[in-house]
Protein backbone atom coordinates (compact mmCIF):
# COMPACT_ATOMS: atom_id res chain seq x y z
CA MET A 1 -138.36 -39.65 4.76
CA SER A 2 -138.42 -40.99 8.62
CA ILE A 3 -137.39 -38.95 11.61
CA LEU A 4 -134.45 -41.14 11.73
CA SER A 5 -133.14 -40.36 8.23
CA ARG A 6 -133.84 -36.41 8.69
CA ASN A 7 -132.27 -36.40 12.06
CA THR A 8 -129.25 -38.02 10.63
CA ALA A 9 -128.97 -35.90 7.49
CA CYS A 10 -129.27 -32.78 9.70
CA ILE A 11 -126.81 -34.19 11.98
CA SER A 12 -124.19 -35.04 9.37
CA ASN A 13 -124.93 -31.59 7.37
CA ARG A 14 -123.71 -30.06 10.86
CA VAL A 15 -120.69 -32.61 11.51
CA ALA A 16 -119.29 -32.42 8.08
CA PRO A 17 -118.18 -28.96 8.20
CA MET A 18 -116.71 -29.10 11.76
CA ALA A 19 -115.00 -32.12 10.31
CA ARG A 20 -113.56 -29.94 7.31
CA LEU A 21 -112.72 -27.43 9.71
CA ARG A 22 -110.73 -29.72 11.92
CA GLN A 23 -109.19 -31.37 9.19
CA GLY A 24 -108.00 -28.19 7.71
CA ALA A 25 -106.41 -26.96 11.27
CA LEU A 26 -104.88 -30.35 11.29
CA ILE A 27 -102.95 -29.43 7.93
CA ALA A 28 -102.11 -25.98 9.11
CA ALA A 29 -100.47 -27.29 12.09
CA LEU A 30 -98.60 -30.01 10.21
CA ALA A 31 -97.51 -27.69 7.77
CA ILE A 32 -96.21 -25.06 10.72
CA LEU A 33 -94.40 -27.86 12.56
CA PRO A 34 -91.59 -28.17 10.70
CA GLY A 35 -90.95 -24.57 10.72
CA MET A 36 -91.36 -24.43 14.50
CA ALA A 37 -88.75 -27.45 15.13
CA LEU A 38 -86.34 -25.53 12.83
CA ALA A 39 -86.74 -22.38 15.04
CA ALA A 40 -86.21 -24.11 18.12
CA ASP A 41 -83.01 -25.88 16.90
CA ALA A 42 -81.81 -22.43 15.37
CA GLU A 43 -78.83 -20.93 17.51
CA PRO A 44 -79.65 -17.61 19.32
CA ALA A 45 -78.89 -14.41 17.91
CA TRP A 46 -75.80 -14.25 20.79
CA ALA A 47 -74.10 -17.49 19.28
CA GLY A 48 -71.25 -17.09 17.04
CA ALA A 49 -68.20 -14.86 17.09
CA PRO A 50 -66.83 -13.62 20.11
CA TYR A 51 -67.60 -10.49 22.24
CA GLU A 52 -64.44 -8.40 23.00
CA GLY A 53 -64.24 -5.71 25.40
CA THR A 54 -62.95 -4.99 28.94
CA VAL A 55 -63.25 -6.83 32.27
CA LYS A 56 -62.97 -4.88 35.74
CA LEU A 57 -61.78 -7.54 38.44
CA HIS A 58 -62.99 -6.10 42.06
CA ILE A 59 -61.72 -7.98 44.78
CA ALA A 60 -62.90 -7.40 48.47
CA LEU A 61 -61.26 -8.37 51.45
CA PRO A 62 -62.62 -9.12 54.64
CA GLY A 63 -62.30 -6.05 56.55
CA GLY A 64 -63.18 -3.83 54.05
CA LYS A 65 -59.74 -3.38 51.47
CA THR A 66 -60.29 -3.47 48.05
CA HIS A 67 -58.56 -3.66 44.89
CA GLU A 68 -59.43 -2.79 41.23
CA GLN A 69 -57.77 -3.63 38.08
CA ARG A 70 -59.20 -3.73 34.29
CA SER A 71 -57.82 -6.07 31.53
CA ASP A 72 -58.71 -7.25 28.14
CA ALA A 73 -61.47 -10.12 28.09
CA SER A 74 -63.66 -11.91 25.66
CA ALA A 75 -66.83 -14.36 25.79
CA GLN A 76 -67.71 -16.81 23.05
CA TRP A 77 -70.27 -19.68 22.99
CA VAL A 78 -68.01 -22.37 21.29
CA ARG A 79 -69.57 -25.55 19.65
CA GLU A 80 -67.79 -28.51 20.44
CA SER A 81 -69.83 -31.01 19.22
CA ASP A 82 -73.50 -31.12 17.78
CA SER A 83 -75.19 -31.18 21.15
CA ARG A 84 -72.26 -29.34 23.14
CA VAL A 85 -71.87 -25.86 23.18
CA ASP A 86 -69.48 -24.30 25.80
CA LEU A 87 -69.40 -20.67 27.11
CA VAL A 88 -65.81 -19.70 27.24
CA LEU A 89 -65.03 -16.58 29.10
CA ARG A 90 -61.35 -15.37 28.89
CA THR A 91 -59.26 -12.83 31.14
CA LYS A 92 -56.01 -11.18 30.17
CA GLY A 93 -54.56 -9.99 33.19
CA SER A 94 -52.38 -6.66 33.43
CA ASN A 95 -49.85 -8.76 35.25
CA GLN A 96 -47.14 -10.43 32.69
CA GLY A 97 -48.70 -13.96 31.77
CA SER A 98 -51.59 -13.79 33.95
CA LYS A 99 -54.55 -15.10 32.34
CA THR A 100 -57.99 -16.67 33.30
CA ASP A 101 -60.08 -19.06 31.26
CA LEU A 102 -63.50 -20.30 32.24
CA SER A 103 -64.87 -22.88 30.13
CA ILE A 104 -68.72 -23.64 31.43
CA PRO A 105 -69.86 -27.30 29.06
CA GLY A 106 -73.58 -26.67 27.93
CA SER A 107 -76.18 -26.93 25.10
CA TYR A 108 -78.65 -24.75 23.25
CA ALA A 109 -82.15 -25.26 24.55
CA ASP A 110 -85.59 -23.81 24.64
CA GLY A 111 -84.11 -20.85 22.42
CA GLY A 112 -81.41 -20.02 24.95
CA TRP A 113 -78.43 -22.17 26.70
CA ARG A 114 -78.00 -24.02 29.60
CA SER A 115 -75.08 -25.54 31.49
CA THR A 116 -75.26 -29.61 31.22
CA ARG A 117 -72.79 -30.54 33.73
CA GLY A 118 -70.56 -29.56 36.46
CA MET A 119 -70.34 -27.61 39.60
CA ILE A 120 -71.93 -24.29 37.65
CA ARG A 121 -75.60 -24.41 36.86
CA LEU A 122 -75.90 -21.68 34.62
CA ASN A 123 -78.94 -20.37 32.16
CA VAL A 124 -79.30 -17.85 29.58
CA ASP A 125 -83.04 -17.59 28.71
CA ALA A 126 -84.39 -16.81 25.13
CA ASN A 127 -84.57 -13.22 25.97
CA GLY A 128 -80.89 -13.21 26.81
CA THR A 129 -81.15 -13.18 30.76
CA ILE A 130 -78.16 -14.51 32.24
CA LEU A 131 -78.48 -16.29 35.80
CA GLY A 132 -76.29 -18.87 37.35
CA VAL A 133 -75.07 -20.33 40.59
CA GLY A 134 -72.18 -22.59 41.67
CA ASN A 135 -70.37 -24.57 44.51
CA ASP A 136 -67.23 -26.29 44.35
CA PRO A 137 -66.70 -27.81 47.76
CA ASP A 138 -63.43 -29.24 46.87
CA GLU A 139 -61.80 -25.95 46.51
CA GLN A 140 -64.55 -23.83 48.57
CA ARG A 141 -65.78 -21.89 46.29
CA SER A 142 -69.20 -20.17 45.08
CA PHE A 143 -70.09 -18.48 42.68
CA LYS A 144 -73.07 -16.44 41.29
CA PHE A 145 -73.54 -15.23 37.91
CA LYS A 146 -76.10 -12.27 36.42
CA GLY A 147 -76.33 -10.47 33.44
CA GLU A 148 -77.89 -9.85 29.71
CA VAL A 149 -76.54 -10.74 26.11
CA THR A 150 -78.04 -9.54 22.96
CA ALA A 151 -76.55 -10.01 19.50
CA THR A 152 -73.93 -7.24 19.93
CA ARG A 153 -73.46 -6.56 23.26
CA MET A 154 -72.79 -8.69 26.76
CA ARG A 155 -72.84 -7.43 29.93
CA LEU A 156 -72.28 -10.66 32.76
CA GLU A 157 -71.25 -10.30 36.20
CA HIS A 158 -69.46 -13.16 37.48
CA GLN A 159 -68.80 -13.43 41.28
CA MET A 160 -66.52 -15.94 43.12
CA THR A 161 -66.53 -16.26 46.85
CA VAL A 162 -63.38 -18.07 48.00
CA GLY A 163 -64.01 -20.31 51.26
CA ARG A 164 -60.44 -20.91 52.18
CA ALA A 165 -57.05 -18.95 51.77
CA GLU A 166 -55.74 -19.43 48.03
CA GLY A 167 -53.16 -17.59 45.77
CA GLY A 168 -52.63 -14.72 48.21
CA LEU A 169 -56.37 -14.31 48.84
CA PRO A 170 -57.82 -14.87 52.52
CA ALA A 171 -60.79 -16.77 53.20
CA GLY A 172 -63.94 -14.83 52.86
CA ALA A 173 -62.71 -12.63 49.70
CA VAL A 174 -65.12 -11.82 47.12
CA VAL A 175 -63.45 -11.54 43.79
CA THR A 176 -66.08 -10.04 41.06
CA TYR A 177 -65.04 -10.05 37.37
CA ASP A 178 -67.37 -7.15 35.59
CA TYR A 179 -67.51 -7.95 31.98
CA ASP A 180 -68.47 -5.32 29.40
CA LEU A 181 -67.97 -6.84 25.89
CA THR A 182 -69.25 -6.11 22.05
CA ARG A 183 -69.03 -7.23 18.62
CA SER A 184 -70.47 -5.77 15.51
CA ASN A 185 -73.49 -6.68 13.80
CA ALA A 186 -71.40 -8.30 11.10
CA ASP A 187 -70.22 -10.66 13.40
CA ALA A 188 -73.49 -11.89 15.22
CA GLY A 189 -74.36 -15.14 14.50
CA SER A 190 -70.99 -15.82 12.89
CA ALA A 191 -68.19 -17.70 14.32
CA LYS A 192 -64.77 -16.87 13.81
């Protein structure tokens, strides 16, 4: 056997196991990928039935005066289409007929949810941390959101600062909605 033949045989004996190892890893990766795609497209644990409970409305006026009231509230991610899922916050005021609905268009992404258009930029990460800001220059309002959500509980603070007098509120008033909402384990991940 020539030196060239011996070196080629030696190299091919070393390469063949490496090639088999790479081929096995490739097959394993291909077997896992479909499951990963399904997991990425799956709805988060907090999707489905609404969270219900109370919201504490706190109004801070310039000059230090404050006002608080509590009312019933709910929050739910509502599927509008295959690609659109809106976060809908509802508040029933204690005043007869008063009600607040806020619907933020968005979609599930990266194991969480994010708003997709409009004046509010809101994100819920895969761990359930809620953060967001917004600005409505026409109405002169700014918004802040922070909170957390699990399969059975949602805590959310939604703060709005009024830039011009409106609805009996002077410019500079800060309205804070402090949501404390729950749902049962049985409702987690199921739409009503």
